[in-house]
Amino acid sequence: MEQNNLQLRSGIVGGTFLSTILNITLHDVLFTVVMVVIGAVVSFFVSWLLRKVFSSKKRM
C-alpha cells in the first residue's frame, strides 16, 4: 500500500511540475527578471535612505 501512495504522489507532483514548466513563456521569465531587478534597487535605496536618516538622528 505504501508503494502505491508513493507512485500516486510522484505522478501528481511530476504532472504538476511538467504542466507548469510547459506553460512558462520567455515573456514571463523576462518580466520576472525585470521585477526582481526593480525590487532589489528599490530595497537597496530604501535601506540606504533609512540608514542615513537614523544615523543622523543619533549624532544629534
Protein backbone atom coordinates (compact mmCIF):
# COMPACT_ATOMS: atom_id res chain seq x y z
CA MET A 1 0.00 0.00 0.00
CA GLU A 2 2.88 2.40 0.81
CA GLN A 3 4.40 1.86 -2.66
CA ASN A 4 1.08 2.76 -4.26
CA ASN A 5 0.91 6.06 -2.35
CA LEU A 6 4.46 6.91 -3.39
CA GLN A 7 3.66 6.28 -7.05
CA LEU A 8 0.49 8.37 -6.81
CA ARG A 9 2.31 11.26 -5.16
CA SER A 10 5.16 11.06 -7.68
CA GLY A 11 2.69 11.12 -10.54
CA ILE A 12 0.83 14.12 -9.16
CA VAL A 13 4.00 16.11 -8.42
CA GLY A 14 5.59 15.21 -11.76
CA GLY A 15 2.47 16.05 -13.73
CA THR A 16 2.03 19.36 -11.97
CA PHE A 17 5.69 20.25 -12.50
CA LEU A 18 5.66 19.37 -16.20
CA SER A 19 2.39 21.16 -16.92
CA THR A 20 3.73 24.27 -15.17
CA ILE A 21 7.09 24.20 -16.96
CA LEU A 22 5.47 23.84 -20.37
CA ASN A 23 3.26 26.91 -19.81
CA ILE A 24 6.05 29.31 -18.83
CA THR A 25 6.97 31.62 -21.70
CA LEU A 26 10.04 33.76 -22.32
CA HIS A 27 7.88 36.83 -21.65
CA ASP A 28 7.08 35.51 -18.16
CA VAL A 29 10.75 34.91 -17.41
CA LEU A 30 11.80 38.37 -18.64
CA PHE A 31 9.00 40.04 -16.68
CA THR A 32 10.13 38.23 -13.52
CA VAL A 33 13.75 39.25 -14.05
CA VAL A 34 12.76 42.91 -14.53
CA MET A 35 10.59 42.84 -11.38
CA VAL A 36 13.45 41.28 -9.38
CA VAL A 37 15.88 43.99 -10.52
CA ILE A 38 13.41 46.77 -9.71
CA GLY A 39 12.70 45.25 -6.29
CA ALA A 40 16.39 44.91 -5.46
CA VAL A 41 17.16 48.50 -6.48
CA VAL A 42 14.23 49.92 -4.51
CA SER A 43 15.13 47.82 -1.48
CA PHE A 44 18.74 48.99 -1.61
CA PHE A 45 17.84 52.67 -1.82
CA VAL A 46 15.21 52.48 0.91
CA SER A 47 17.71 50.75 3.21
CA TRP A 48 20.35 53.35 2.36
CA LEU A 49 17.93 56.23 2.96
CA LEU A 50 16.73 54.82 6.30
CA ARG A 51 20.32 54.28 7.42
CA LYS A 52 21.12 57.93 6.57
CA VAL A 53 18.02 59.22 8.39
CA PHE A 54 18.56 57.21 11.56
CA SER A 55 22.32 57.68 11.73
CA SER A 56 21.90 61.47 11.51
CA LYS A 57 19.39 61.39 14.39
CA LYS A 58 21.88 59.50 16.60
CA ARG A 59 24.50 62.22 16.13
CA MET A 60 22.19 64.96 17.44
